[in-house]
């Protein structure tokens, strides 16, 4: 399904400009793709979260562990860590580093102001957002049903495949919450795209307290791919 895509699910994510990261929550989310009445399999998304700063690090699950990566663009090195979760604790272990000199692609998007978005409160901390290509349009491109929760950091991002739509939704929610006390995060949403009848459903399933520090050691285990 190419119309609505979820980012950071296949390749191990690269986070730039970081030699040390600290996290206090392990977050598990579910994402469901649908087309018409055809529902696709549930995709699990994992990430580490710093609940104070809002810093997030996507993870890739493989076997009985999770893999995280930190990228140092100055040295051109990609550092990998293994994350192990048990019933009582979570442990991070440095694994190895690789030379990574390929140019980092930067995804650009049209400004959100090019789209017209109408936000309507439907319940406390819940909104319906209709996204139009132009203000004069009568048919929506996307309709979002968004659920928020109070948090110590703002996280109003979505994962539909159009960056301009992502920006438009984020900006509309930011405007709606302008007079509210900080801060809020999206805990679930349903995004419907009229063209092709595509739907994405996202929900945070679990947030588990952890105490994880990722630090790049001075003595590296350099490997070549």
N, C-alpha and C. Protein backbone atom coordinates (compact mmCIF):
# COMPACT_ATOMS: atom_id res chain seq x y z
N UNK A 1 0.85 -1.18 0.00
CA UNK A 1 0.00 0.00 0.00
C UNK A 1 0.89 1.23 0.00
N UNK A 2 0.78 2.02 -1.08
CA UNK A 2 1.71 3.13 -1.25
C UNK A 2 1.10 4.48 -0.90
N UNK A 3 -0.21 4.54 -0.70
CA UNK A 3 -0.82 5.84 -0.51
C UNK A 3 -0.61 6.38 0.89
N UNK A 4 -0.66 5.52 1.88
CA UNK A 4 -0.41 5.94 3.25
C UNK A 4 0.67 5.04 3.81
N UNK A 5 1.77 5.62 4.17
CA UNK A 5 2.92 4.87 4.62
C UNK A 5 3.26 5.24 6.04
N UNK A 6 3.90 4.32 6.74
CA UNK A 6 4.36 4.57 8.09
C UNK A 6 5.88 4.65 8.06
N UNK A 7 6.41 5.72 8.63
CA UNK A 7 7.85 5.94 8.61
C UNK A 7 8.53 5.21 9.74
N UNK A 8 9.82 4.95 9.56
CA UNK A 8 10.68 4.40 10.61
C UNK A 8 10.24 3.01 11.04
N UNK A 9 9.82 2.16 10.10
CA UNK A 9 9.41 0.82 10.48
C UNK A 9 10.30 -0.26 9.86
N UNK A 10 10.95 0.04 8.77
CA UNK A 10 11.70 -0.99 8.08
C UNK A 10 13.19 -0.84 8.35
N UNK A 11 13.76 0.25 8.05
CA UNK A 11 15.18 0.45 8.28
C UNK A 11 15.43 0.97 9.69
N UNK A 12 16.60 0.65 10.20
CA UNK A 12 16.97 1.15 11.51
C UNK A 12 17.12 2.66 11.43
N UNK A 13 16.44 3.41 12.27
CA UNK A 13 16.46 4.87 12.16
C UNK A 13 17.80 5.45 12.54
N UNK A 14 18.11 6.59 11.98
CA UNK A 14 19.34 7.30 12.26
C UNK A 14 19.00 8.61 12.96
N UNK A 15 19.56 8.83 14.11
CA UNK A 15 19.36 10.06 14.85
C UNK A 15 20.67 10.83 14.86
N UNK A 16 20.64 12.07 14.45
CA UNK A 16 21.88 12.83 14.28
C UNK A 16 22.27 13.60 15.53
N UNK A 17 23.53 13.97 15.56
CA UNK A 17 24.07 14.86 16.58
C UNK A 17 23.81 14.35 18.00
N UNK A 18 24.09 13.09 18.24
CA UNK A 18 23.86 12.55 19.58
C UNK A 18 24.96 11.58 19.95
N UNK A 19 25.59 11.81 21.09
CA UNK A 19 26.55 10.88 21.66
C UNK A 19 26.05 10.32 22.98
N UNK A 20 25.03 10.95 23.54
CA UNK A 20 24.45 10.48 24.80
C UNK A 20 22.97 10.81 24.80
N UNK A 21 22.15 9.81 25.12
CA UNK A 21 20.71 10.01 25.18
C UNK A 21 20.17 9.31 26.41
N UNK A 22 19.18 9.91 27.06
CA UNK A 22 18.58 9.35 28.26
C UNK A 22 17.07 9.23 28.05
N UNK A 23 16.48 8.11 28.48
CA UNK A 23 15.06 7.86 28.27
C UNK A 23 14.44 7.25 29.52
N UNK A 24 13.17 7.59 29.75
CA UNK A 24 12.49 7.06 30.93
C UNK A 24 11.19 6.32 30.61
N UNK A 25 10.88 6.15 29.30
CA UNK A 25 9.71 5.36 28.94
C UNK A 25 9.99 4.53 27.69
N UNK A 26 9.49 3.30 27.70
CA UNK A 26 9.48 2.43 26.52
C UNK A 26 8.05 2.40 26.01
N UNK A 27 7.85 2.85 24.77
CA UNK A 27 6.50 3.02 24.24
C UNK A 27 6.23 2.05 23.10
N UNK A 28 5.08 1.40 23.17
CA UNK A 28 4.66 0.47 22.13
C UNK A 28 3.36 0.98 21.51
N UNK A 29 3.33 1.08 20.19
CA UNK A 29 2.15 1.57 19.48
C UNK A 29 1.74 0.57 18.40
N UNK A 30 0.49 0.67 17.99
CA UNK A 30 0.00 -0.16 16.89
C UNK A 30 -0.49 0.72 15.75
N UNK A 31 -0.29 0.23 14.54
CA UNK A 31 -0.71 0.94 13.34
C UNK A 31 -1.41 -0.05 12.42
N UNK A 32 -2.60 0.31 11.94
CA UNK A 32 -3.36 -0.57 11.06
C UNK A 32 -3.63 0.16 9.75
N UNK A 33 -3.26 -0.46 8.64
CA UNK A 33 -3.59 0.05 7.31
C UNK A 33 -4.87 -0.62 6.83
N UNK A 34 -5.73 0.13 6.18
CA UNK A 34 -6.93 -0.44 5.58
C UNK A 34 -7.17 0.20 4.22
N UNK A 35 -7.80 -0.55 3.34
CA UNK A 35 -8.23 -0.03 2.05
C UNK A 35 -9.64 -0.54 1.82
N UNK A 36 -10.60 0.37 1.87
CA UNK A 36 -11.98 -0.06 1.77
C UNK A 36 -12.33 -0.96 2.95
N UNK A 37 -12.84 -2.13 2.68
CA UNK A 37 -13.16 -3.09 3.74
C UNK A 37 -12.03 -4.06 4.02
N UNK A 38 -10.95 -3.92 3.30
CA UNK A 38 -9.82 -4.81 3.46
C UNK A 38 -8.87 -4.27 4.53
N UNK A 39 -8.83 -4.94 5.67
CA UNK A 39 -7.98 -4.50 6.77
C UNK A 39 -6.66 -5.26 6.72
N UNK A 40 -5.57 -4.51 6.84
CA UNK A 40 -4.25 -5.12 6.79
C UNK A 40 -3.81 -5.52 8.20
N UNK A 41 -2.68 -6.20 8.27
CA UNK A 41 -2.18 -6.65 9.56
C UNK A 41 -1.76 -5.46 10.43
N UNK A 42 -1.80 -5.71 11.74
CA UNK A 42 -1.38 -4.69 12.69
C UNK A 42 0.15 -4.61 12.69
N UNK A 43 0.67 -3.41 12.59
CA UNK A 43 2.11 -3.18 12.65
C UNK A 43 2.45 -2.61 14.02
N UNK A 44 3.45 -3.17 14.65
CA UNK A 44 3.89 -2.68 15.95
C UNK A 44 5.02 -1.68 15.76
N UNK A 45 4.96 -0.60 16.52
CA UNK A 45 5.98 0.44 16.47
C UNK A 45 6.52 0.62 17.88
N UNK A 46 7.85 0.64 18.00
CA UNK A 46 8.49 0.74 19.31
C UNK A 46 9.40 1.96 19.34
N UNK A 47 9.45 2.62 20.50
CA UNK A 47 10.36 3.75 20.64
C UNK A 47 10.65 4.01 22.11
N UNK A 48 11.81 4.63 22.34
CA UNK A 48 12.17 5.13 23.66
C UNK A 48 11.80 6.60 23.72
N UNK A 49 11.32 7.04 24.89
CA UNK A 49 10.84 8.41 25.05
C UNK A 49 11.43 9.03 26.31
N UNK A 50 11.86 10.27 26.20
CA UNK A 50 12.20 11.08 27.37
C UNK A 50 10.99 11.97 27.65
N UNK A 51 10.30 11.69 28.76
CA UNK A 51 9.02 12.35 29.03
C UNK A 51 9.18 13.81 29.40
N UNK A 52 10.37 14.27 29.71
CA UNK A 52 10.59 15.67 30.05
C UNK A 52 10.85 16.50 28.80
N UNK A 53 11.77 16.03 27.97
CA UNK A 53 12.16 16.80 26.77
C UNK A 53 11.34 16.44 25.54
N UNK A 54 10.68 15.27 25.56
CA UNK A 54 9.98 14.81 24.37
C UNK A 54 10.88 14.11 23.38
N UNK A 55 12.16 13.95 23.71
CA UNK A 55 13.10 13.25 22.84
C UNK A 55 12.63 11.83 22.62
N UNK A 56 12.62 11.38 21.35
CA UNK A 56 12.15 10.04 21.02
C UNK A 56 13.15 9.34 20.12
N UNK A 57 13.27 8.04 20.31
CA UNK A 57 14.20 7.24 19.51
C UNK A 57 13.49 5.98 19.04
N UNK A 58 13.19 5.86 17.74
CA UNK A 58 12.56 4.66 17.22
C UNK A 58 13.46 3.43 17.38
N UNK A 59 12.84 2.28 17.57
CA UNK A 59 13.55 1.02 17.74
C UNK A 59 13.07 0.02 16.70
N UNK A 60 13.93 -0.95 16.41
CA UNK A 60 13.56 -2.06 15.54
C UNK A 60 13.65 -3.34 16.36
N UNK A 61 12.57 -4.10 16.38
CA UNK A 61 12.57 -5.35 17.14
C UNK A 61 13.10 -6.47 16.27
N UNK A 62 14.02 -7.26 16.83
CA UNK A 62 14.55 -8.41 16.13
C UNK A 62 14.83 -9.50 17.15
N UNK A 63 14.16 -10.62 17.02
CA UNK A 63 14.32 -11.70 17.99
C UNK A 63 13.82 -11.25 19.35
N UNK A 64 14.63 -11.46 20.37
CA UNK A 64 14.25 -11.09 21.73
C UNK A 64 14.83 -9.76 22.17
N UNK A 65 15.22 -8.92 21.23
CA UNK A 65 15.81 -7.63 21.60
C UNK A 65 15.34 -6.55 20.65
N UNK A 66 15.70 -5.31 20.99
CA UNK A 66 15.40 -4.15 20.16
C UNK A 66 16.73 -3.48 19.79
N UNK A 67 16.77 -2.86 18.62
CA UNK A 67 17.98 -2.21 18.14
C UNK A 67 17.74 -0.71 18.02
N UNK A 68 18.66 0.05 18.59
CA UNK A 68 18.64 1.51 18.48
C UNK A 68 19.92 1.96 17.81
N UNK A 69 19.89 3.14 17.18
CA UNK A 69 21.09 3.66 16.53
C UNK A 69 21.24 5.14 16.79
N UNK A 70 22.49 5.57 16.95
CA UNK A 70 22.84 6.98 17.07
C UNK A 70 23.85 7.30 15.98
N UNK A 71 23.64 8.40 15.29
CA UNK A 71 24.52 8.77 14.19
C UNK A 71 25.34 9.99 14.54
N UNK A 72 26.64 9.89 14.34
CA UNK A 72 27.56 11.01 14.53
C UNK A 72 27.96 11.51 13.15
N UNK A 73 27.38 12.61 12.66
CA UNK A 73 27.67 13.07 11.30
C UNK A 73 29.07 13.64 11.16
N UNK A 74 29.65 14.11 12.26
CA UNK A 74 31.00 14.68 12.20
C UNK A 74 32.02 13.58 11.93
N UNK A 75 31.91 12.47 12.68
CA UNK A 75 32.83 11.35 12.50
C UNK A 75 32.39 10.42 11.39
N UNK A 76 31.14 10.56 10.93
CA UNK A 76 30.62 9.66 9.91
C UNK A 76 30.44 8.25 10.42
N UNK A 77 29.99 8.12 11.68
CA UNK A 77 29.84 6.81 12.30
C UNK A 77 28.41 6.59 12.75
N UNK A 78 27.96 5.36 12.59
CA UNK A 78 26.64 4.94 13.04
C UNK A 78 26.83 3.94 14.17
N UNK A 79 26.31 4.27 15.35
CA UNK A 79 26.50 3.46 16.55
C UNK A 79 25.23 2.69 16.87
N UNK A 80 25.37 1.38 17.11
CA UNK A 80 24.22 0.53 17.39
C UNK A 80 24.22 0.08 18.84
N UNK A 81 23.00 -0.03 19.39
CA UNK A 81 22.80 -0.50 20.76
C UNK A 81 21.72 -1.58 20.76
N UNK A 82 21.89 -2.57 21.63
CA UNK A 82 20.87 -3.58 21.86
C UNK A 82 20.11 -3.25 23.13
N UNK A 83 18.79 -3.30 23.05
CA UNK A 83 17.93 -3.03 24.20
C UNK A 83 17.24 -4.34 24.58
N UNK A 84 17.41 -4.75 25.84
CA UNK A 84 16.79 -5.97 26.34
C UNK A 84 15.75 -5.62 27.40
N UNK A 85 14.52 -6.10 27.22
CA UNK A 85 13.46 -5.87 28.19
C UNK A 85 13.12 -7.16 28.92
N UNK A 86 12.98 -7.06 30.23
CA UNK A 86 12.50 -8.17 31.04
C UNK A 86 11.27 -7.70 31.82
N UNK A 87 10.73 -8.57 32.65
CA UNK A 87 9.55 -8.19 33.44
C UNK A 87 9.88 -7.14 34.49
N UNK A 88 11.15 -7.03 34.85
CA UNK A 88 11.52 -6.13 35.95
C UNK A 88 12.43 -5.00 35.53
N UNK A 89 13.07 -5.07 34.38
CA UNK A 89 14.02 -4.03 34.02
C UNK A 89 14.27 -4.00 32.52
N UNK A 90 14.92 -2.92 32.08
CA UNK A 90 15.36 -2.79 30.69
C UNK A 90 16.83 -2.41 30.70
N UNK A 91 17.59 -3.06 29.84
CA UNK A 91 19.04 -2.87 29.82
C UNK A 91 19.48 -2.51 28.40
N UNK A 92 20.35 -1.51 28.29
CA UNK A 92 20.92 -1.12 27.00
C UNK A 92 22.38 -1.48 26.96
N UNK A 93 22.82 -2.11 25.87
CA UNK A 93 24.22 -2.49 25.70
C UNK A 93 24.72 -1.98 24.35
N UNK A 94 25.86 -1.32 24.38
CA UNK A 94 26.51 -0.90 23.13
C UNK A 94 26.90 -2.15 22.36
N UNK A 95 26.62 -2.17 21.05
CA UNK A 95 26.94 -3.34 20.23
C UNK A 95 28.15 -3.10 19.34
N UNK A 96 28.06 -2.14 18.42
CA UNK A 96 29.16 -1.89 17.50
C UNK A 96 28.90 -0.59 16.76
N UNK A 97 29.87 -0.21 15.93
CA UNK A 97 29.78 1.01 15.13
C UNK A 97 30.20 0.72 13.70
N UNK A 98 29.64 1.48 12.78
CA UNK A 98 29.96 1.32 11.38
C UNK A 98 30.29 2.67 10.76
N UNK A 99 31.17 2.66 9.79
CA UNK A 99 31.43 3.87 9.01
C UNK A 99 30.22 4.12 8.12
N UNK A 100 29.70 5.32 8.18
CA UNK A 100 28.49 5.65 7.44
C UNK A 100 28.72 7.01 6.79
N UNK A 101 29.16 6.98 5.54
CA UNK A 101 29.53 8.23 4.86
C UNK A 101 28.52 8.64 3.80
N UNK A 102 27.48 7.83 3.60
CA UNK A 102 26.49 8.18 2.58
C UNK A 102 25.78 9.46 2.98
N UNK A 103 25.43 10.26 1.99
CA UNK A 103 24.74 11.52 2.26
C UNK A 103 23.37 11.24 2.87
N UNK A 104 23.01 11.99 3.88
CA UNK A 104 21.72 11.84 4.52
C UNK A 104 20.67 12.60 3.73
N UNK A 105 19.63 11.89 3.32
CA UNK A 105 18.57 12.55 2.55
C UNK A 105 17.68 13.33 3.49
N UNK A 106 17.24 14.49 3.04
CA UNK A 106 16.37 15.34 3.83
C UNK A 106 15.04 15.48 3.09
N UNK A 107 13.98 15.07 3.78
CA UNK A 107 12.67 15.13 3.16
C UNK A 107 12.10 16.54 3.29
N UNK A 108 11.75 17.11 2.17
CA UNK A 108 11.18 18.46 2.20
C UNK A 108 9.70 18.38 1.89
N UNK A 109 8.99 19.41 2.22
CA UNK A 109 7.55 19.40 1.99
C UNK A 109 7.08 20.81 1.67
N UNK A 110 5.92 20.87 1.04
CA UNK A 110 5.31 22.17 0.79
C UNK A 110 4.86 22.74 2.12
N UNK A 111 4.84 24.07 2.23
CA UNK A 111 4.42 24.67 3.50
C UNK A 111 2.99 24.30 3.85
N UNK A 112 2.73 24.12 5.15
CA UNK A 112 1.39 23.73 5.59
C UNK A 112 0.35 24.76 5.21
N UNK A 113 0.77 26.04 5.03
CA UNK A 113 -0.18 27.09 4.69
C UNK A 113 -0.81 26.88 3.32
N UNK A 114 -0.20 25.98 2.49
CA UNK A 114 -0.76 25.69 1.19
C UNK A 114 -2.04 24.87 1.31
N UNK A 115 -2.27 24.28 2.49
CA UNK A 115 -3.46 23.48 2.73
C UNK A 115 -4.41 24.24 3.66
N UNK A 116 -5.67 23.89 3.58
CA UNK A 116 -6.68 24.50 4.44
C UNK A 116 -7.18 23.43 5.41
N UNK A 117 -7.08 23.70 6.70
CA UNK A 117 -7.45 22.72 7.72
C UNK A 117 -8.49 23.32 8.65
N UNK A 118 -9.54 22.55 8.90
CA UNK A 118 -10.59 22.95 9.82
C UNK A 118 -10.58 21.99 11.00
N UNK A 119 -10.36 22.52 12.20
CA UNK A 119 -10.32 21.71 13.42
C UNK A 119 -11.59 21.95 14.22
N UNK A 120 -12.23 20.85 14.64
CA UNK A 120 -13.46 20.94 15.42
C UNK A 120 -13.35 20.08 16.66
N UNK A 121 -13.49 20.64 17.87
CA UNK A 121 -13.48 19.82 19.08
C UNK A 121 -14.70 18.91 19.09
N UNK A 122 -14.51 17.64 19.41
CA UNK A 122 -15.62 16.68 19.48
C UNK A 122 -15.85 16.16 20.89
N UNK A 123 -14.86 16.33 21.77
CA UNK A 123 -14.93 15.91 23.18
C UNK A 123 -13.70 16.51 23.84
N UNK A 124 -13.63 16.48 25.18
CA UNK A 124 -12.41 16.97 25.82
C UNK A 124 -11.17 16.25 25.29
N UNK A 125 -10.22 17.02 24.79
CA UNK A 125 -8.95 16.51 24.24
C UNK A 125 -9.16 15.62 23.02
N UNK A 126 -10.26 15.83 22.29
CA UNK A 126 -10.49 15.11 21.04
C UNK A 126 -10.90 16.10 19.95
N UNK A 127 -10.38 15.87 18.72
CA UNK A 127 -10.64 16.79 17.63
C UNK A 127 -10.90 16.03 16.33
N UNK A 128 -11.72 16.63 15.49
CA UNK A 128 -11.84 16.21 14.11
C UNK A 128 -11.16 17.27 13.26
N UNK A 129 -10.27 16.85 12.40
CA UNK A 129 -9.57 17.78 11.52
C UNK A 129 -9.82 17.40 10.07
N UNK A 130 -10.33 18.37 9.30
CA UNK A 130 -10.56 18.16 7.89
C UNK A 130 -9.52 18.95 7.11
N UNK A 131 -8.81 18.26 6.24
CA UNK A 131 -7.72 18.87 5.47
C UNK A 131 -8.15 18.98 4.01
N UNK A 132 -8.09 20.21 3.49
CA UNK A 132 -8.45 20.48 2.09
C UNK A 132 -7.22 20.99 1.35
N UNK A 133 -7.20 20.73 0.05
CA UNK A 133 -6.10 21.26 -0.76
C UNK A 133 -6.21 22.78 -0.86
N UNK A 134 -7.43 23.28 -1.01
CA UNK A 134 -7.67 24.73 -1.11
C UNK A 134 -8.86 25.09 -0.22
N UNK A 135 -8.88 26.31 0.25
CA UNK A 135 -9.95 26.77 1.14
C UNK A 135 -11.32 26.70 0.47
N UNK A 136 -11.37 26.84 -0.85
CA UNK A 136 -12.64 26.83 -1.56
C UNK A 136 -13.15 25.41 -1.86
N UNK A 137 -12.34 24.41 -1.59
CA UNK A 137 -12.75 23.03 -1.89
C UNK A 137 -13.89 22.59 -0.98
N UNK A 138 -14.77 21.76 -1.51
CA UNK A 138 -15.87 21.20 -0.71
C UNK A 138 -15.60 19.76 -0.31
N UNK A 139 -14.65 19.11 -0.95
CA UNK A 139 -14.31 17.73 -0.63
C UNK A 139 -12.94 17.69 0.06
N UNK A 140 -12.88 16.96 1.14
CA UNK A 140 -11.65 16.87 1.91
C UNK A 140 -10.65 15.93 1.25
N UNK A 141 -9.37 16.17 1.51
CA UNK A 141 -8.33 15.21 1.15
C UNK A 141 -8.17 14.18 2.27
N UNK A 142 -8.15 14.67 3.50
CA UNK A 142 -8.01 13.81 4.68
C UNK A 142 -8.99 14.24 5.75
N UNK A 143 -9.45 13.28 6.53
CA UNK A 143 -10.19 13.56 7.76
C UNK A 143 -9.49 12.81 8.90
N UNK A 144 -9.14 13.54 9.95
CA UNK A 144 -8.48 12.96 11.12
C UNK A 144 -9.41 12.98 12.32
N UNK A 145 -9.48 11.88 13.05
CA UNK A 145 -10.11 11.83 14.36
C UNK A 145 -8.96 11.64 15.36
N UNK A 146 -8.67 12.66 16.17
CA UNK A 146 -7.47 12.67 16.99
C UNK A 146 -7.82 12.67 18.48
N UNK A 147 -7.14 11.83 19.24
CA UNK A 147 -7.28 11.83 20.70
C UNK A 147 -5.96 12.28 21.32
N UNK A 148 -6.04 13.22 22.24
CA UNK A 148 -4.86 13.76 22.91
C UNK A 148 -4.86 13.38 24.38
N UNK A 149 -3.71 13.56 24.98
CA UNK A 149 -3.57 13.39 26.42
C UNK A 149 -2.60 14.45 26.93
N UNK A 150 -2.75 14.86 28.16
CA UNK A 150 -1.81 15.81 28.74
C UNK A 150 -0.47 15.13 28.96
N UNK A 151 0.60 15.89 28.76
CA UNK A 151 1.95 15.34 28.88
C UNK A 151 2.90 16.44 29.33
N UNK A 152 4.15 16.06 29.55
CA UNK A 152 5.18 17.03 29.91
C UNK A 152 5.85 17.62 28.68
N UNK A 153 5.51 17.09 27.52
CA UNK A 153 6.12 17.54 26.27
C UNK A 153 5.04 17.52 25.18
N UNK A 154 5.25 18.28 24.13
CA UNK A 154 4.32 18.29 23.00
C UNK A 154 4.74 17.26 21.96
N UNK A 155 3.80 16.44 21.53
CA UNK A 155 4.03 15.49 20.45
C UNK A 155 2.75 15.41 19.63
N UNK A 156 2.68 16.20 18.58
CA UNK A 156 1.47 16.30 17.77
C UNK A 156 1.72 15.80 16.36
N UNK A 157 2.71 14.91 16.21
CA UNK A 157 3.05 14.39 14.90
C UNK A 157 2.21 13.20 14.49
N UNK A 158 1.99 13.06 13.19
CA UNK A 158 1.32 11.90 12.61
C UNK A 158 2.23 11.27 11.57
N UNK A 159 1.79 10.14 11.00
CA UNK A 159 2.70 9.40 10.12
C UNK A 159 2.12 9.12 8.75
N UNK A 160 1.15 9.92 8.29
CA UNK A 160 0.67 9.74 6.93
C UNK A 160 1.79 10.12 5.96
N UNK A 161 1.64 9.69 4.70
CA UNK A 161 2.77 9.79 3.77
C UNK A 161 2.99 11.17 3.20
N UNK A 162 2.10 12.13 3.47
CA UNK A 162 2.23 13.47 2.92
C UNK A 162 2.75 14.42 3.98
N UNK A 163 4.01 14.89 3.88
CA UNK A 163 4.57 15.78 4.89
C UNK A 163 3.79 17.07 5.07
N UNK A 164 3.20 17.58 3.99
CA UNK A 164 2.41 18.80 4.10
C UNK A 164 1.18 18.58 4.96
N UNK A 165 0.57 17.41 4.84
CA UNK A 165 -0.59 17.08 5.67
C UNK A 165 -0.16 16.92 7.13
N UNK A 166 0.98 16.29 7.36
CA UNK A 166 1.52 16.18 8.71
C UNK A 166 1.68 17.57 9.34
N UNK A 167 2.28 18.48 8.59
CA UNK A 167 2.51 19.84 9.09
C UNK A 167 1.19 20.57 9.33
N UNK A 168 0.23 20.38 8.43
CA UNK A 168 -1.05 21.06 8.56
C UNK A 168 -1.79 20.60 9.81
N UNK A 169 -1.77 19.31 10.07
CA UNK A 169 -2.44 18.77 11.26
C UNK A 169 -1.73 19.26 12.52
N UNK A 170 -0.40 19.22 12.52
CA UNK A 170 0.35 19.69 13.68
C UNK A 170 0.07 21.16 13.96
N UNK A 171 0.08 21.98 12.92
CA UNK A 171 -0.15 23.41 13.10
C UNK A 171 -1.57 23.71 13.56
N UNK A 172 -2.55 22.97 13.03
CA UNK A 172 -3.93 23.19 13.44
C UNK A 172 -4.14 22.83 14.90
N UNK A 173 -3.55 21.71 15.34
CA UNK A 173 -3.67 21.31 16.74
C UNK A 173 -2.94 22.30 17.65
N UNK A 174 -1.79 22.76 17.21
CA UNK A 174 -1.03 23.75 17.99
C UNK A 174 -1.85 25.01 18.19
N UNK A 175 -2.54 25.44 17.13
CA UNK A 175 -3.37 26.64 17.23
C UNK A 175 -4.54 26.43 18.18
N UNK A 176 -5.14 25.23 18.13
CA UNK A 176 -6.27 24.93 19.01
C UNK A 176 -5.84 24.90 20.48
N UNK A 177 -4.60 24.50 20.73
CA UNK A 177 -4.11 24.34 22.10
C UNK A 177 -3.32 25.54 22.58
N UNK A 178 -3.35 26.61 21.81
CA UNK A 178 -2.51 27.78 22.11
C UNK A 178 -2.76 28.34 23.51
N UNK A 179 -4.01 28.35 23.93
CA UNK A 179 -4.34 28.92 25.23
C UNK A 179 -4.37 27.87 26.35
N UNK A 180 -4.09 26.64 26.01
CA UNK A 180 -4.10 25.56 27.02
C UNK A 180 -2.73 25.46 27.67
N UNK A 181 -2.71 24.98 28.89
CA UNK A 181 -1.44 24.77 29.59
C UNK A 181 -0.65 23.67 28.90
N UNK A 182 0.67 23.84 28.84
CA UNK A 182 1.54 22.84 28.23
C UNK A 182 1.49 21.55 29.06
N UNK A 183 1.47 20.44 28.47
CA UNK A 183 1.69 20.13 27.06
C UNK A 183 0.74 18.99 26.68
N UNK A 184 0.75 18.58 25.40
CA UNK A 184 -0.14 17.52 24.96
C UNK A 184 0.57 16.61 23.95
N UNK A 185 0.11 15.38 23.90
CA UNK A 185 0.62 14.43 22.91
C UNK A 185 -0.56 13.66 22.32
N UNK A 186 -0.38 13.22 21.08
CA UNK A 186 -1.38 12.38 20.43
C UNK A 186 -1.23 10.95 20.96
N UNK A 187 -2.33 10.38 21.45
CA UNK A 187 -2.29 8.99 21.92
C UNK A 187 -3.02 8.06 20.95
N UNK A 188 -3.73 8.64 20.00
CA UNK A 188 -4.40 7.82 19.00
C UNK A 188 -5.04 8.69 17.94
N UNK A 189 -5.14 8.17 16.74
CA UNK A 189 -5.85 8.88 15.68
C UNK A 189 -6.27 7.91 14.59
N UNK A 190 -7.28 8.33 13.85
CA UNK A 190 -7.72 7.62 12.65
C UNK A 190 -7.67 8.62 11.51
N UNK A 191 -6.91 8.31 10.49
CA UNK A 191 -6.76 9.20 9.33
C UNK A 191 -7.37 8.53 8.11
N UNK A 192 -8.33 9.21 7.48
CA UNK A 192 -9.00 8.68 6.30
C UNK A 192 -8.66 9.57 5.10
N UNK A 193 -8.20 8.95 4.05
CA UNK A 193 -7.94 9.67 2.81
C UNK A 193 -9.04 9.34 1.82
N UNK A 194 -9.72 10.37 1.33
CA UNK A 194 -10.86 10.15 0.44
C UNK A 194 -10.45 9.40 -0.82
N UNK A 195 -9.37 9.83 -1.46
CA UNK A 195 -8.93 9.19 -2.69
C UNK A 195 -8.38 7.81 -2.39
N UNK A 196 -9.00 6.78 -2.92
CA UNK A 196 -8.54 5.42 -2.71
C UNK A 196 -9.08 4.77 -1.46
N UNK A 197 -9.84 5.52 -0.65
CA UNK A 197 -10.46 4.98 0.58
C UNK A 197 -9.42 4.35 1.51
N UNK A 198 -8.28 5.02 1.65
CA UNK A 198 -7.24 4.51 2.54
C UNK A 198 -7.44 5.03 3.96
N UNK A 199 -7.12 4.19 4.92
CA UNK A 199 -7.28 4.54 6.33
C UNK A 199 -6.05 4.08 7.11
N UNK A 200 -5.60 4.92 8.03
CA UNK A 200 -4.56 4.54 8.97
C UNK A 200 -5.10 4.77 10.37
N UNK A 201 -4.97 3.76 11.22
CA UNK A 201 -5.37 3.87 12.62
C UNK A 201 -4.14 3.69 13.50
N UNK A 202 -3.91 4.64 14.39
CA UNK A 202 -2.73 4.63 15.25
C UNK A 202 -3.17 4.72 16.71
N UNK A 203 -2.50 3.95 17.58
CA UNK A 203 -2.83 4.00 19.00
C UNK A 203 -1.61 3.61 19.82
N UNK A 204 -1.34 4.39 20.87
CA UNK A 204 -0.31 4.00 21.83
C UNK A 204 -0.88 2.90 22.71
N UNK A 205 -0.27 1.74 22.66
CA UNK A 205 -0.77 0.60 23.42
C UNK A 205 -0.24 0.56 24.84
N UNK A 206 1.01 0.94 25.01
CA UNK A 206 1.64 0.79 26.32
C UNK A 206 2.81 1.75 26.46
N UNK A 207 2.95 2.35 27.64
CA UNK A 207 4.12 3.16 27.97
C UNK A 207 4.67 2.64 29.30
N UNK A 208 5.83 2.02 29.23
CA UNK A 208 6.42 1.37 30.40
C UNK A 208 7.59 2.20 30.93
N UNK A 209 7.59 2.55 32.23
CA UNK A 209 8.73 3.29 32.78
C UNK A 209 10.03 2.48 32.67
N UNK A 210 11.09 3.14 32.25
CA UNK A 210 12.41 2.52 32.15
C UNK A 210 13.45 3.54 32.60
N UNK A 211 14.67 3.09 32.69
CA UNK A 211 15.80 3.98 32.99
C UNK A 211 16.94 3.57 32.08
N UNK A 212 16.95 4.16 30.89
CA UNK A 212 17.91 3.74 29.86
C UNK A 212 18.76 4.92 29.43
N UNK A 213 20.06 4.73 29.48
CA UNK A 213 21.02 5.71 28.98
C UNK A 213 21.80 5.08 27.84
N UNK A 214 21.88 5.77 26.72
CA UNK A 214 22.69 5.33 25.59
C UNK A 214 23.90 6.25 25.49
N UNK A 215 25.07 5.69 25.72
CA UNK A 215 26.30 6.48 25.67
C UNK A 215 27.29 5.79 24.74
N UNK A 216 27.84 6.55 23.81
CA UNK A 216 28.83 6.00 22.89
C UNK A 216 30.17 5.89 23.62
N UNK A 217 30.75 4.70 23.73
CA UNK A 217 32.01 4.55 24.47
C UNK A 217 33.19 5.12 23.69
N UNK A 218 34.28 5.36 24.41
CA UNK A 218 35.48 5.86 23.76
C UNK A 218 36.14 4.76 22.91
N UNK A 219 36.10 3.54 23.42
CA UNK A 219 36.66 2.40 22.68
C UNK A 219 35.56 1.79 21.82
N UNK A 220 35.61 2.01 20.53
CA UNK A 220 34.56 1.55 19.64
C UNK A 220 34.86 0.19 19.03
N UNK A 221 33.82 -0.56 18.76
CA UNK A 221 33.95 -1.81 18.00
C UNK A 221 33.60 -1.50 16.56
N UNK A 222 34.59 -1.06 15.81
CA UNK A 222 34.37 -0.64 14.44
C UNK A 222 34.26 -1.85 13.52
N UNK A 223 33.22 -1.88 12.70
CA UNK A 223 33.02 -2.94 11.73
C UNK A 223 32.69 -2.32 10.40
N UNK A 224 32.86 -3.09 9.36
CA UNK A 224 32.53 -2.61 8.01
C UNK A 224 31.39 -3.42 7.47
N UNK A 225 30.50 -2.75 6.76
CA UNK A 225 29.35 -3.43 6.17
C UNK A 225 29.69 -3.96 4.79
